[in-house]
N, C-alpha and C. Protein backbone atom coordinates (compact mmCIF):
# COMPACT_ATOMS: atom_id res chain seq x y z
N MET A 1 37.98 -5.48 32.89
CA MET A 1 36.90 -4.55 33.11
C MET A 1 36.28 -4.15 31.78
N LYS A 2 35.01 -3.89 31.81
CA LYS A 2 34.29 -3.52 30.59
C LYS A 2 33.76 -2.11 30.72
N PHE A 3 33.92 -1.34 29.65
CA PHE A 3 33.38 0.01 29.63
C PHE A 3 31.92 -0.03 29.21
N ALA A 4 31.11 0.74 29.86
CA ALA A 4 29.70 0.87 29.47
C ALA A 4 29.22 2.24 29.91
N LEU A 5 28.24 2.72 29.24
CA LEU A 5 27.63 3.98 29.67
C LEU A 5 26.36 3.64 30.40
N CYS A 6 26.22 4.16 31.57
CA CYS A 6 25.03 3.95 32.37
C CYS A 6 24.19 5.21 32.30
N TYR A 7 22.90 5.06 32.45
CA TYR A 7 22.05 6.22 32.37
C TYR A 7 20.97 6.14 33.44
N SER A 8 20.45 7.26 33.79
CA SER A 8 19.30 7.32 34.68
C SER A 8 18.31 8.29 34.07
N ILE A 9 17.03 8.00 34.25
CA ILE A 9 15.99 8.85 33.68
C ILE A 9 15.20 9.46 34.83
N ASP A 10 15.07 10.78 34.83
CA ASP A 10 14.11 11.38 35.73
C ASP A 10 12.94 11.83 34.86
N SER A 11 12.01 12.56 35.42
CA SER A 11 10.79 12.85 34.67
C SER A 11 11.02 13.73 33.45
N ARG A 12 12.13 14.46 33.38
CA ARG A 12 12.30 15.38 32.26
C ARG A 12 13.61 15.24 31.53
N LEU A 13 14.52 14.45 32.02
CA LEU A 13 15.86 14.53 31.46
C LEU A 13 16.55 13.17 31.47
N LEU A 14 17.22 12.85 30.40
CA LEU A 14 18.05 11.65 30.35
C LEU A 14 19.47 12.09 30.59
N ARG A 15 20.08 11.56 31.64
CA ARG A 15 21.46 11.92 31.95
C ARG A 15 22.33 10.70 31.75
N SER A 16 23.50 10.91 31.19
CA SER A 16 24.40 9.77 31.00
C SER A 16 25.73 10.06 31.65
N GLY A 17 26.41 9.01 32.03
CA GLY A 17 27.73 9.15 32.61
C GLY A 17 28.56 7.94 32.26
N LEU A 18 29.81 8.15 31.98
CA LEU A 18 30.71 7.05 31.64
C LEU A 18 31.13 6.37 32.93
N ARG A 19 30.94 5.09 33.00
CA ARG A 19 31.32 4.34 34.20
C ARG A 19 32.09 3.10 33.78
N ILE A 20 32.89 2.62 34.68
CA ILE A 20 33.59 1.36 34.45
C ILE A 20 32.95 0.32 35.36
N MET A 21 32.56 -0.79 34.79
CA MET A 21 31.88 -1.81 35.56
C MET A 21 32.88 -2.91 35.90
N SER A 22 32.85 -3.34 37.12
CA SER A 22 33.74 -4.42 37.55
C SER A 22 32.97 -5.35 38.46
N ASP A 23 33.62 -6.42 38.87
CA ASP A 23 32.97 -7.37 39.76
C ASP A 23 32.62 -6.76 41.11
N ILE A 24 33.34 -5.73 41.51
CA ILE A 24 33.12 -5.17 42.83
C ILE A 24 32.26 -3.91 42.81
N GLY A 25 31.74 -3.53 41.68
CA GLY A 25 30.90 -2.34 41.61
C GLY A 25 31.26 -1.47 40.44
N SER A 26 30.99 -0.21 40.58
CA SER A 26 31.30 0.72 39.51
C SER A 26 31.92 1.97 40.08
N GLU A 27 32.73 2.60 39.28
CA GLU A 27 33.34 3.86 39.68
C GLU A 27 33.29 4.80 38.49
N THR A 28 33.14 6.07 38.76
CA THR A 28 33.10 7.05 37.68
C THR A 28 34.50 7.24 37.14
N LEU A 29 34.61 7.22 35.83
CA LEU A 29 35.91 7.40 35.18
C LEU A 29 36.17 8.87 34.93
N PRO A 30 37.43 9.24 34.86
CA PRO A 30 37.73 10.60 34.41
C PRO A 30 37.37 10.72 32.93
N ALA A 31 37.36 11.93 32.45
CA ALA A 31 37.05 12.16 31.04
C ALA A 31 37.99 11.36 30.15
N PRO A 32 37.52 10.89 29.00
CA PRO A 32 38.40 10.17 28.07
C PRO A 32 39.62 11.03 27.73
N ASP A 33 40.76 10.36 27.52
CA ASP A 33 42.01 11.10 27.32
C ASP A 33 42.24 11.55 25.89
N SER A 34 41.37 11.15 24.96
CA SER A 34 41.53 11.59 23.58
C SER A 34 40.17 11.63 22.91
N PHE A 35 40.12 12.35 21.81
CA PHE A 35 38.88 12.40 21.05
C PHE A 35 38.49 11.01 20.55
N GLU A 36 39.47 10.22 20.15
CA GLU A 36 39.19 8.87 19.66
C GLU A 36 38.51 8.02 20.74
N HIS A 37 38.99 8.13 22.00
CA HIS A 37 38.37 7.38 23.09
C HIS A 37 36.96 7.90 23.37
N LEU A 38 36.79 9.20 23.31
CA LEU A 38 35.47 9.79 23.52
C LEU A 38 34.50 9.30 22.45
N ALA A 39 34.92 9.35 21.19
CA ALA A 39 34.06 8.92 20.08
C ALA A 39 33.74 7.43 20.20
N ALA A 40 34.72 6.62 20.58
CA ALA A 40 34.50 5.18 20.73
C ALA A 40 33.51 4.90 21.87
N ALA A 41 33.64 5.62 22.98
CA ALA A 41 32.72 5.43 24.10
C ALA A 41 31.30 5.82 23.70
N ARG A 42 31.16 6.90 22.95
CA ARG A 42 29.84 7.34 22.50
C ARG A 42 29.22 6.32 21.55
N ARG A 43 30.01 5.80 20.60
CA ARG A 43 29.49 4.78 19.68
C ARG A 43 29.05 3.54 20.45
N GLU A 44 29.85 3.14 21.44
CA GLU A 44 29.49 1.96 22.24
C GLU A 44 28.19 2.22 23.00
N TRP A 45 28.04 3.42 23.58
CA TRP A 45 26.83 3.75 24.31
C TRP A 45 25.61 3.72 23.39
N ILE A 46 25.77 4.25 22.19
CA ILE A 46 24.66 4.24 21.24
C ILE A 46 24.24 2.81 20.92
N GLU A 47 25.20 1.93 20.65
CA GLU A 47 24.89 0.55 20.26
C GLU A 47 24.46 -0.34 21.42
N THR A 48 24.98 -0.08 22.63
CA THR A 48 24.68 -0.98 23.75
C THR A 48 23.61 -0.47 24.70
N VAL A 49 23.31 0.82 24.65
CA VAL A 49 22.30 1.38 25.55
C VAL A 49 21.16 2.04 24.78
N LEU A 50 21.48 3.03 23.97
CA LEU A 50 20.43 3.84 23.34
C LEU A 50 19.61 3.06 22.32
N ARG A 51 20.26 2.38 21.40
CA ARG A 51 19.53 1.63 20.37
C ARG A 51 18.68 0.52 20.99
N PRO A 52 19.24 -0.31 21.91
CA PRO A 52 18.39 -1.32 22.55
C PRO A 52 17.22 -0.72 23.35
N TRP A 53 17.44 0.45 23.95
CA TRP A 53 16.35 1.12 24.66
C TRP A 53 15.22 1.45 23.69
N CYS A 54 15.57 1.94 22.50
CA CYS A 54 14.55 2.25 21.48
C CYS A 54 13.79 0.99 21.07
N HIS A 55 14.48 -0.16 21.00
CA HIS A 55 13.84 -1.41 20.59
C HIS A 55 12.71 -1.81 21.54
N LYS A 56 12.83 -1.49 22.82
CA LYS A 56 11.87 -2.03 23.78
C LYS A 56 10.95 -0.99 24.42
N SER A 57 11.18 0.27 24.19
CA SER A 57 10.42 1.30 24.89
C SER A 57 9.02 1.50 24.31
N SER A 58 8.13 1.93 25.18
CA SER A 58 6.75 2.19 24.77
C SER A 58 6.69 3.47 23.92
N LEU A 59 5.59 3.63 23.22
CA LEU A 59 5.39 4.83 22.41
C LEU A 59 5.47 6.08 23.28
N LYS A 60 4.91 6.02 24.47
CA LYS A 60 4.95 7.17 25.38
C LYS A 60 6.39 7.55 25.71
N GLU A 61 7.23 6.57 26.04
CA GLU A 61 8.63 6.83 26.37
C GLU A 61 9.41 7.31 25.14
N LEU A 62 9.12 6.73 23.97
CA LEU A 62 9.79 7.15 22.74
C LEU A 62 9.47 8.61 22.42
N ARG A 63 8.23 9.00 22.63
CA ARG A 63 7.86 10.39 22.35
C ARG A 63 8.49 11.36 23.35
N LYS A 64 8.68 10.92 24.60
CA LYS A 64 9.42 11.75 25.56
C LYS A 64 10.86 11.93 25.07
N ALA A 65 11.47 10.82 24.65
CA ALA A 65 12.85 10.89 24.15
C ALA A 65 12.95 11.77 22.92
N GLU A 66 11.94 11.71 22.06
CA GLU A 66 11.94 12.53 20.84
C GLU A 66 12.09 14.01 21.17
N GLN A 67 11.44 14.44 22.24
CA GLN A 67 11.49 15.85 22.63
C GLN A 67 12.89 16.28 23.07
N GLU A 68 13.68 15.34 23.57
CA GLU A 68 15.03 15.63 24.07
C GLU A 68 16.11 15.02 23.18
N TRP A 69 15.73 14.54 21.98
CA TRP A 69 16.64 13.75 21.15
C TRP A 69 17.93 14.49 20.80
N PHE A 70 17.84 15.77 20.54
CA PHE A 70 19.04 16.54 20.21
C PHE A 70 20.05 16.45 21.36
N ASP A 71 19.57 16.54 22.61
CA ASP A 71 20.45 16.45 23.77
C ASP A 71 20.91 15.02 24.03
N ILE A 72 20.06 14.05 23.76
CA ILE A 72 20.40 12.65 24.02
C ILE A 72 21.33 12.09 22.95
N ALA A 73 20.97 12.27 21.70
CA ALA A 73 21.68 11.61 20.60
C ALA A 73 22.57 12.55 19.81
N GLY A 74 22.64 13.79 20.17
CA GLY A 74 23.43 14.73 19.40
C GLY A 74 22.61 15.27 18.25
N ARG A 75 23.26 15.56 17.17
CA ARG A 75 22.57 16.18 16.03
C ARG A 75 21.84 15.19 15.14
N ALA A 76 21.59 14.03 15.66
CA ALA A 76 20.93 12.99 14.88
C ALA A 76 19.45 13.31 14.67
N ASP A 77 18.99 13.13 13.44
CA ASP A 77 17.57 13.27 13.12
C ASP A 77 16.81 12.10 13.74
N VAL A 78 15.61 12.34 14.24
CA VAL A 78 14.86 11.28 14.91
C VAL A 78 14.38 10.17 13.98
N LYS A 79 14.11 10.48 12.71
CA LYS A 79 13.57 9.44 11.82
C LYS A 79 14.58 8.31 11.56
N PRO A 80 15.83 8.60 11.17
CA PRO A 80 16.75 7.49 10.91
C PRO A 80 17.37 6.90 12.18
N THR A 81 17.12 7.48 13.32
CA THR A 81 17.68 6.95 14.56
C THR A 81 16.55 6.47 15.46
N LEU A 82 16.00 7.33 16.28
CA LEU A 82 14.99 6.95 17.26
C LEU A 82 13.88 6.09 16.67
N TRP A 83 13.21 6.58 15.62
CA TRP A 83 12.05 5.84 15.12
C TRP A 83 12.44 4.60 14.33
N THR A 84 13.53 4.65 13.57
CA THR A 84 13.99 3.44 12.87
C THR A 84 14.41 2.39 13.89
N TRP A 85 15.14 2.81 14.92
CA TRP A 85 15.57 1.86 15.95
C TRP A 85 14.36 1.28 16.69
N ALA A 86 13.33 2.08 16.91
CA ALA A 86 12.12 1.56 17.57
C ALA A 86 11.47 0.48 16.71
N TRP A 87 11.40 0.71 15.38
CA TRP A 87 10.79 -0.28 14.49
C TRP A 87 11.66 -1.51 14.32
N GLU A 88 12.95 -1.45 14.65
CA GLU A 88 13.83 -2.62 14.54
C GLU A 88 13.39 -3.77 15.44
N ARG A 89 12.51 -3.53 16.40
CA ARG A 89 11.99 -4.64 17.21
C ARG A 89 11.22 -5.62 16.33
N PHE A 90 10.83 -5.16 15.14
CA PHE A 90 10.17 -5.99 14.12
C PHE A 90 11.07 -5.97 12.88
N PRO A 91 12.10 -6.83 12.81
CA PRO A 91 13.11 -6.73 11.76
C PRO A 91 12.57 -6.76 10.33
N VAL A 92 11.45 -7.41 10.09
CA VAL A 92 10.92 -7.52 8.74
C VAL A 92 10.47 -6.17 8.18
N ILE A 93 10.24 -5.20 9.04
CA ILE A 93 9.68 -3.93 8.59
C ILE A 93 10.73 -2.84 8.37
N VAL A 94 11.99 -3.14 8.62
CA VAL A 94 13.06 -2.15 8.40
C VAL A 94 14.09 -2.71 7.44
N HIS A 95 14.78 -1.81 6.77
CA HIS A 95 15.89 -2.17 5.89
C HIS A 95 17.14 -1.60 6.53
N PRO A 96 18.22 -2.38 6.62
CA PRO A 96 19.41 -1.90 7.33
C PRO A 96 20.04 -0.64 6.76
N ASP A 97 19.79 -0.34 5.50
CA ASP A 97 20.42 0.82 4.88
C ASP A 97 19.48 2.00 4.67
N LEU A 98 18.23 1.87 5.10
CA LEU A 98 17.25 2.93 4.86
C LEU A 98 16.55 3.32 6.15
N PRO A 99 16.27 4.61 6.33
CA PRO A 99 15.55 5.04 7.53
C PRO A 99 14.06 4.75 7.43
N GLY A 100 13.42 4.68 8.58
CA GLY A 100 11.97 4.49 8.62
C GLY A 100 11.56 3.06 8.33
N VAL A 101 10.29 2.91 7.97
CA VAL A 101 9.76 1.58 7.68
C VAL A 101 9.95 1.24 6.20
N ASN A 102 10.17 -0.04 5.94
CA ASN A 102 10.40 -0.54 4.59
C ASN A 102 9.05 -0.76 3.90
N GLU A 103 8.87 -0.13 2.76
CA GLU A 103 7.59 -0.18 2.04
C GLU A 103 7.53 -1.27 0.99
N THR A 104 8.60 -2.00 0.76
CA THR A 104 8.69 -2.86 -0.43
C THR A 104 8.00 -4.20 -0.31
N SER A 105 7.65 -4.64 0.88
CA SER A 105 7.03 -5.96 1.03
C SER A 105 5.72 -5.86 1.80
N GLU A 106 4.78 -6.68 1.38
CA GLU A 106 3.53 -6.76 2.13
C GLU A 106 3.81 -7.46 3.46
N VAL A 107 3.19 -6.98 4.51
CA VAL A 107 3.38 -7.56 5.84
C VAL A 107 2.03 -7.87 6.46
N THR A 108 2.05 -8.78 7.42
CA THR A 108 0.87 -9.07 8.22
C THR A 108 1.19 -8.76 9.67
N LEU A 109 0.40 -7.88 10.25
CA LEU A 109 0.56 -7.51 11.65
C LEU A 109 -0.37 -8.35 12.49
N THR A 110 0.15 -8.88 13.58
CA THR A 110 -0.69 -9.47 14.61
C THR A 110 -0.70 -8.47 15.75
N LEU A 111 -1.88 -8.00 16.08
CA LEU A 111 -2.01 -6.99 17.12
C LEU A 111 -2.13 -7.65 18.49
N THR A 112 -1.93 -6.87 19.52
CA THR A 112 -1.96 -7.41 20.88
C THR A 112 -3.32 -7.98 21.26
N ASP A 113 -4.39 -7.57 20.56
CA ASP A 113 -5.72 -8.13 20.82
C ASP A 113 -5.97 -9.42 20.03
N GLY A 114 -4.95 -9.87 19.25
CA GLY A 114 -5.06 -11.10 18.48
C GLY A 114 -5.53 -10.91 17.05
N SER A 115 -6.04 -9.75 16.70
CA SER A 115 -6.49 -9.51 15.33
C SER A 115 -5.29 -9.34 14.40
N GLN A 116 -5.54 -9.49 13.11
CA GLN A 116 -4.47 -9.34 12.12
C GLN A 116 -4.91 -8.40 11.02
N VAL A 117 -3.95 -7.64 10.49
CA VAL A 117 -4.17 -6.80 9.32
C VAL A 117 -2.97 -6.96 8.40
N SER A 118 -3.23 -6.86 7.10
CA SER A 118 -2.15 -7.00 6.12
C SER A 118 -2.14 -5.81 5.17
N GLY A 119 -0.96 -5.54 4.66
CA GLY A 119 -0.81 -4.47 3.69
C GLY A 119 0.64 -4.06 3.55
N PHE A 120 0.86 -3.04 2.74
CA PHE A 120 2.20 -2.50 2.54
C PHE A 120 2.36 -1.28 3.44
N PRO A 121 3.45 -1.21 4.21
CA PRO A 121 3.67 -0.03 5.05
C PRO A 121 3.78 1.23 4.19
N ASP A 122 3.17 2.30 4.64
CA ASP A 122 3.28 3.60 3.99
C ASP A 122 4.32 4.40 4.77
N GLY A 123 5.55 4.41 4.25
CA GLY A 123 6.65 5.06 4.94
C GLY A 123 6.49 6.55 5.11
N ARG A 124 5.84 7.19 4.19
CA ARG A 124 5.64 8.64 4.26
C ARG A 124 4.63 9.00 5.34
N ARG A 125 3.56 8.24 5.44
CA ARG A 125 2.50 8.56 6.39
C ARG A 125 2.70 7.90 7.76
N SER A 126 3.56 6.89 7.84
CA SER A 126 3.85 6.25 9.13
C SER A 126 4.88 7.09 9.86
N GLN A 127 4.46 7.72 10.93
CA GLN A 127 5.35 8.63 11.65
C GLN A 127 5.20 8.48 13.15
N ARG A 128 6.30 8.77 13.86
CA ARG A 128 6.32 8.88 15.31
C ARG A 128 5.70 7.66 16.00
N GLY A 129 6.05 6.45 15.54
CA GLY A 129 5.59 5.24 16.19
C GLY A 129 4.19 4.79 15.81
N MET A 130 3.63 5.41 14.78
CA MET A 130 2.30 5.04 14.29
C MET A 130 2.45 4.52 12.87
N LEU A 131 1.98 3.29 12.63
CA LEU A 131 2.13 2.63 11.34
C LEU A 131 0.85 2.70 10.54
N ILE A 132 0.99 3.02 9.26
CA ILE A 132 -0.12 3.02 8.30
C ILE A 132 0.17 1.91 7.29
N LEU A 133 -0.80 1.04 7.07
CA LEU A 133 -0.69 0.00 6.04
C LEU A 133 -1.69 0.29 4.93
N ILE A 134 -1.28 0.04 3.71
CA ILE A 134 -2.16 0.15 2.55
C ILE A 134 -2.40 -1.26 2.03
N GLY A 135 -3.65 -1.68 2.05
CA GLY A 135 -4.00 -3.02 1.61
C GLY A 135 -4.97 -2.98 0.44
N ILE A 136 -5.34 -4.15 0.00
CA ILE A 136 -6.31 -4.29 -1.10
C ILE A 136 -7.49 -5.09 -0.56
N SER A 137 -8.69 -4.55 -0.73
CA SER A 137 -9.90 -5.24 -0.27
C SER A 137 -10.23 -6.39 -1.22
N GLU A 138 -11.19 -7.21 -0.82
CA GLU A 138 -11.62 -8.33 -1.67
C GLU A 138 -12.20 -7.84 -2.99
N SER A 139 -12.69 -6.60 -3.02
CA SER A 139 -13.23 -6.02 -4.26
C SER A 139 -12.15 -5.23 -5.01
N SER A 140 -10.88 -5.48 -4.66
CA SER A 140 -9.71 -4.87 -5.31
C SER A 140 -9.62 -3.36 -5.13
N GLU A 141 -10.19 -2.85 -4.06
CA GLU A 141 -10.07 -1.43 -3.75
C GLU A 141 -8.98 -1.23 -2.70
N SER A 142 -8.34 -0.09 -2.77
CA SER A 142 -7.31 0.24 -1.79
C SER A 142 -7.96 0.57 -0.44
N ILE A 143 -7.42 -0.02 0.62
CA ILE A 143 -7.91 0.29 1.96
C ILE A 143 -6.72 0.66 2.84
N THR A 144 -6.98 1.54 3.78
CA THR A 144 -5.95 1.99 4.70
C THR A 144 -6.22 1.42 6.08
N HIS A 145 -5.19 0.84 6.68
CA HIS A 145 -5.27 0.35 8.06
C HIS A 145 -4.41 1.27 8.91
N GLY A 146 -4.99 1.79 9.97
CA GLY A 146 -4.20 2.60 10.88
C GLY A 146 -4.67 4.03 10.93
N PRO A 147 -3.96 4.81 11.69
CA PRO A 147 -2.64 4.52 12.25
C PRO A 147 -2.71 3.50 13.40
N ILE A 148 -1.70 2.64 13.45
CA ILE A 148 -1.59 1.59 14.46
C ILE A 148 -0.35 1.89 15.29
N SER A 149 -0.54 2.01 16.59
CA SER A 149 0.56 2.31 17.50
C SER A 149 1.54 1.14 17.58
N ILE A 150 2.81 1.45 17.67
CA ILE A 150 3.84 0.42 17.84
C ILE A 150 3.54 -0.44 19.07
N ASP A 151 2.88 0.12 20.07
CA ASP A 151 2.52 -0.62 21.28
C ASP A 151 1.41 -1.64 21.04
N GLN A 152 0.61 -1.46 19.99
CA GLN A 152 -0.49 -2.37 19.69
C GLN A 152 -0.03 -3.57 18.87
N ILE A 153 1.20 -3.57 18.39
CA ILE A 153 1.68 -4.61 17.48
C ILE A 153 2.43 -5.68 18.28
N ALA A 154 1.93 -6.91 18.20
CA ALA A 154 2.60 -8.03 18.88
C ALA A 154 3.70 -8.62 18.00
N SER A 155 3.41 -8.73 16.70
CA SER A 155 4.41 -9.27 15.77
C SER A 155 4.10 -8.81 14.36
N ILE A 156 5.13 -8.90 13.51
CA ILE A 156 4.97 -8.57 12.09
C ILE A 156 5.63 -9.68 11.29
N GLN A 157 4.88 -10.23 10.36
CA GLN A 157 5.39 -11.29 9.46
C GLN A 157 5.42 -10.77 8.04
């Protein structure tokens, strides 16, 4: 049997419950018998449910989660968790040891409408699922692209 945390979302609240999944269905488990088991179950839920949810959720859903983040993720700050995990859907734009978007490399965004923009991510100004790029025009002037919604980005190279 494999342990997993299952969740259901209603319009205002994310509720979680520890369940044991088996070939014949699922049953609710009693509370973990030790703090170590509780902590391990929470870490597993974060890595197998919460983080992957952030990778695929729309900006609208991410902003709903942001409002309840303290209750969902505990005392975790939203920038190094929710928003960094959301940007992980584009691995080139995050650094595994740093929160937020990685500013050190120029990137090219392909947007869902097929257009492309290039520049360096502005980590300070890129917030809450909106990306700002700083590029250089053909006349060598600084230009700002964005804010660009995470939902508008098809890929980042």
